[in-house]
Amino acid sequence: MAQEKKLIIVGTSAFAEVAYEYFTHDSPYDVVAFSVERNFIQADEMFGVPVVPFEELQIRYNADEHYVFAAISYTRRNKLRTRLYREAKAKGFLIASYISSRAFVWRNAAIGEHCFIFEDNTIQPFVKIGDNVIIWSGNHIGHHSVIGDNCFISSHVVISGFCNVGESCFFGVNSTIANNINIAEDCIIGAGTTILQDTAKGDVYKANASTLLTRKE
């Protein structure tokens, strides 16, 4: 695969390392730099390419010719990734997405910008996925479901058909959402949790718990 698009990965964490591998070996992108905010720089380079201050991206790179992807996980309930993605876009940079060649995405599924979809995901017909969504490996997104912006879906999650997921939600490993369920924005669905009824904004659900856990800031 020809790598004709120049990419800057924002972040230097484990997710950034993983993103480098996927973009390098399964995409048309050529990673030319990593970037983090100045106060968090710990090394001058990573995988042989420079690590540059996020505040200096416009000075060092032509925004019209470079793509950016913020490889940040669910830190601060997806807020950090969302902020850096939006700031890079505001600087005029092109925005990258990655969809694994080993993911199954039905032809009429709609996927927004700045998404990262790993291998072994099944995305069924009429699914709509918003912007800035991370879907780790091995998930099922059922037909006619809608995933809002800024969500993070861990591995082996089942979101059944006709579900609506609000913005900025997190789904833990092996969580399950039944058909026709509305997940309100900013919810945390813990690992192994099964949701059988609609949720309320900002709620936290935990497997094997008899009570609802309300998020604390």
Protein backbone atom coordinates (compact mmCIF):
# COMPACT_ATOMS: atom_id res chain seq x y z
CA MET A 1 0.00 0.00 0.00
CA ALA A 2 1.47 3.33 -1.07
CA GLN A 3 1.98 5.67 1.88
CA GLU A 4 1.39 9.06 0.33
CA LYS A 5 -0.27 10.90 3.22
CA LYS A 6 1.95 12.51 5.84
CA LEU A 7 0.68 11.87 9.38
CA ILE A 8 1.44 13.36 12.78
CA ILE A 9 0.33 11.24 15.74
CA VAL A 10 -0.57 13.25 18.81
CA GLY A 11 0.43 11.30 21.91
CA THR A 12 3.33 9.09 22.97
CA SER A 13 1.49 6.58 25.15
CA ALA A 14 0.94 2.87 24.46
CA PHE A 15 -2.02 3.75 22.22
CA ALA A 16 0.26 6.04 20.19
CA GLU A 17 2.70 3.15 19.75
CA VAL A 18 -0.12 0.85 18.64
CA ALA A 19 -1.50 3.50 16.28
CA TYR A 20 1.96 3.88 14.72
CA GLU A 21 2.01 0.15 13.93
CA TYR A 22 -1.43 0.14 12.34
CA PHE A 23 -0.96 3.32 10.35
CA THR A 24 2.49 2.20 9.18
CA HIS A 25 1.58 -1.33 8.12
CA ASP A 26 -2.10 -1.09 7.14
CA SER A 27 -2.85 2.37 5.80
CA PRO A 28 -1.84 4.96 3.20
CA TYR A 29 -0.27 7.13 5.93
CA ASP A 30 3.41 7.78 6.56
CA VAL A 31 4.04 8.80 10.17
CA VAL A 32 6.46 11.73 10.08
CA ALA A 33 6.22 12.92 13.69
CA PHE A 34 4.69 12.47 17.11
CA SER A 35 3.48 15.41 19.12
CA VAL A 36 2.52 16.17 22.72
CA GLU A 37 2.02 19.37 24.63
CA ARG A 38 5.35 20.93 25.55
CA ASN A 39 5.21 20.14 29.27
CA PHE A 40 4.80 16.43 28.59
CA ILE A 41 7.69 15.82 26.18
CA GLN A 42 9.98 13.13 27.58
CA ALA A 43 12.09 12.27 24.51
CA ASP A 44 13.20 13.94 21.29
CA GLU A 45 12.12 11.09 19.03
CA MET A 46 10.06 7.92 18.85
CA PHE A 47 10.41 5.11 16.29
CA GLY A 48 13.02 7.25 14.56
CA VAL A 49 10.78 10.27 13.97
CA PRO A 50 10.75 13.51 15.99
CA VAL A 51 8.52 14.29 18.95
CA VAL A 52 7.51 17.93 18.63
CA PRO A 53 5.55 20.30 20.87
CA PHE A 54 1.87 20.40 20.01
CA GLU A 55 1.97 24.17 20.38
CA GLU A 56 4.48 24.37 17.48
CA LEU A 57 2.78 22.13 14.92
CA GLN A 58 1.77 25.00 12.65
CA ILE A 59 5.30 26.39 12.71
CA ARG A 60 7.00 23.12 11.84
CA TYR A 61 4.49 21.52 9.46
CA ASN A 62 2.29 22.75 6.65
CA ALA A 63 -1.27 22.13 7.82
CA ASP A 64 -2.52 21.80 4.24
CA GLU A 65 -0.23 18.83 3.64
CA HIS A 66 -0.28 16.97 6.95
CA TYR A 67 -2.87 14.82 8.66
CA VAL A 68 -3.24 14.53 12.43
CA PHE A 69 -4.58 11.74 14.60
CA ALA A 70 -4.82 12.09 18.40
CA ALA A 71 -3.94 8.66 19.75
CA ILE A 72 -5.34 9.26 23.22
CA SER A 73 -7.53 6.65 24.90
CA TYR A 74 -10.35 7.45 27.35
CA THR A 75 -8.20 9.74 29.52
CA ARG A 76 -10.39 12.24 31.39
CA ARG A 77 -13.49 10.50 30.06
CA ASN A 78 -12.48 11.07 26.41
CA LYS A 79 -12.14 14.81 27.03
CA LEU A 80 -8.39 15.03 26.37
CA ARG A 81 -8.60 13.25 23.01
CA THR A 82 -11.57 15.41 22.05
CA ARG A 83 -9.76 18.64 22.91
CA LEU A 84 -6.56 17.78 21.04
CA TYR A 85 -8.46 16.58 17.97
CA ARG A 86 -10.51 19.78 17.88
CA GLU A 87 -7.47 21.99 18.40
CA ALA A 88 -5.57 20.26 15.59
CA LYS A 89 -8.57 20.76 13.31
CA ALA A 90 -8.80 24.41 14.34
CA LYS A 91 -5.14 24.83 13.39
CA GLY A 92 -6.14 23.77 9.88
CA PHE A 93 -4.62 20.29 9.82
CA LEU A 94 -6.22 17.47 7.87
CA ILE A 95 -7.80 14.81 10.09
CA ALA A 96 -6.90 11.14 9.76
CA SER A 97 -8.96 8.03 10.50
CA TYR A 98 -8.02 4.37 10.49
CA ILE A 99 -10.25 1.41 9.64
CA SER A 100 -8.52 -1.96 9.76
CA SER A 101 -8.45 -3.95 6.57
CA ARG A 102 -9.50 -6.86 8.80
CA ALA A 103 -12.66 -5.18 10.09
CA PHE A 104 -16.05 -5.99 8.57
CA VAL A 105 -17.87 -2.75 7.80
CA TRP A 106 -21.11 -3.04 5.84
CA ARG A 107 -21.33 -0.91 2.71
CA ASN A 108 -23.90 1.58 4.01
CA ALA A 109 -22.47 2.09 7.49
CA ALA A 110 -21.56 5.76 7.99
CA ILE A 111 -18.37 6.55 9.91
CA GLY A 112 -17.29 10.03 10.95
CA GLU A 113 -13.84 11.60 10.98
CA HIS A 114 -11.03 10.96 13.45
CA CYS A 115 -12.11 7.39 14.16
CA PHE A 116 -9.92 4.35 14.84
CA ILE A 117 -11.51 0.96 14.18
CA PHE A 118 -9.40 -2.07 14.97
CA GLU A 119 -9.46 -5.58 13.48
CA ASP A 120 -12.24 -8.14 13.98
CA ASN A 121 -14.98 -5.58 14.42
CA THR A 122 -18.37 -6.21 12.84
CA ILE A 123 -20.28 -3.07 11.90
CA GLN A 124 -23.65 -4.02 10.48
CA PRO A 125 -25.97 -2.31 7.96
CA PHE A 126 -27.33 1.18 8.62
CA VAL A 127 -24.99 1.83 11.55
CA LYS A 128 -23.94 5.44 12.10
CA ILE A 129 -20.73 6.22 13.97
CA GLY A 130 -19.90 9.80 14.90
CA ASP A 131 -16.60 11.66 15.00
CA ASN A 132 -13.67 10.85 17.30
CA VAL A 133 -14.76 7.31 18.15
CA ILE A 134 -12.34 4.53 19.13
CA ILE A 135 -13.52 0.95 18.62
CA TRP A 136 -10.93 -1.53 19.88
CA SER A 137 -10.74 -5.07 18.51
CA GLY A 138 -13.47 -7.71 18.42
CA ASN A 139 -16.73 -5.79 18.87
CA HIS A 140 -20.23 -6.10 17.38
CA ILE A 141 -22.17 -2.97 16.46
CA GLY A 142 -25.69 -4.05 15.54
CA HIS A 143 -27.80 -2.85 12.62
CA HIS A 144 -29.44 0.59 12.76
CA SER A 145 -27.49 1.60 15.88
CA VAL A 146 -26.01 5.06 16.33
CA ILE A 147 -22.77 5.76 18.20
CA GLY A 148 -22.34 9.40 19.22
CA ASP A 149 -19.17 11.48 18.99
CA ASN A 150 -16.16 11.02 21.28
CA CYS A 151 -16.95 7.49 22.50
CA PHE A 152 -14.49 4.74 23.42
CA ILE A 153 -15.52 1.10 22.98
CA SER A 154 -13.19 -1.50 24.47
CA SER A 155 -12.84 -5.07 23.20
CA HIS A 156 -15.61 -7.69 22.90
CA VAL A 157 -18.46 -5.27 23.44
CA VAL A 158 -21.88 -6.08 21.96
CA ILE A 159 -24.11 -3.16 21.06
CA SER A 160 -27.27 -4.72 19.67
CA GLY A 161 -29.61 -3.42 16.98
CA PHE A 162 -31.48 -0.11 17.12
CA CYS A 163 -29.41 1.27 20.01
CA ASN A 164 -28.61 4.94 20.43
CA VAL A 165 -25.40 5.85 22.24
CA GLY A 166 -24.86 9.43 23.36
CA GLU A 167 -21.61 11.37 23.15
CA SER A 168 -18.52 10.73 25.27
CA CYS A 169 -19.44 7.28 26.59
CA PHE A 170 -17.05 4.52 27.63
CA PHE A 171 -17.77 0.79 27.27
CA GLY A 172 -15.65 -1.68 29.23
CA VAL A 173 -14.50 -5.07 27.99
CA ASN A 174 -17.29 -7.65 27.49
CA SER A 175 -20.12 -5.22 28.19
CA THR A 176 -23.42 -5.89 26.43
CA ILE A 177 -26.24 -3.56 25.38
CA ALA A 178 -29.59 -5.16 24.53
CA ASN A 179 -31.74 -4.18 21.52
CA ASN A 180 -33.50 -0.81 21.38
CA ILE A 181 -31.60 0.73 24.30
CA ASN A 182 -30.70 4.41 24.70
CA ILE A 183 -27.37 5.07 26.38
CA ALA A 184 -27.31 8.69 27.51
CA GLU A 185 -24.25 10.85 26.97
CA ASP A 186 -21.21 10.69 29.26
CA CYS A 187 -22.05 7.25 30.67
CA ILE A 188 -19.52 4.67 31.81
CA ILE A 189 -20.52 1.05 31.21
CA GLY A 190 -18.18 -1.12 33.24
CA ALA A 191 -16.48 -4.31 32.11
CA GLY A 192 -18.84 -7.27 31.92
CA THR A 193 -21.94 -5.16 32.46
CA THR A 194 -25.23 -5.98 30.71
CA ILE A 195 -27.59 -3.05 30.09
CA LEU A 196 -31.27 -3.96 29.65
CA GLN A 197 -32.86 -0.53 30.07
CA ASP A 198 -32.19 3.06 29.12
CA THR A 199 -29.55 4.95 31.11
CA ALA A 200 -29.35 8.50 32.45
CA LYS A 201 -26.72 11.11 31.60
CA GLY A 202 -23.45 10.73 33.47
CA ASP A 203 -24.29 7.44 35.15
CA VAL A 204 -21.79 4.69 35.87
CA TYR A 205 -22.82 1.03 35.63
CA LYS A 206 -20.86 -1.82 37.15
CA ALA A 207 -21.22 -5.57 36.68
CA ASN A 208 -22.70 -7.53 39.59
CA ALA A 209 -23.68 -4.35 41.39
CA SER A 210 -27.22 -3.95 42.68
CA THR A 211 -27.02 -0.16 42.75
CA LEU A 212 -26.26 2.53 40.24
CA LEU A 213 -22.98 4.33 40.81
CA THR A 214 -23.17 8.07 40.23
CA ARG A 215 -20.04 9.58 38.74
CA LYS A 216 -17.91 11.79 40.94
CA GLU A 217 -15.89 14.54 39.27
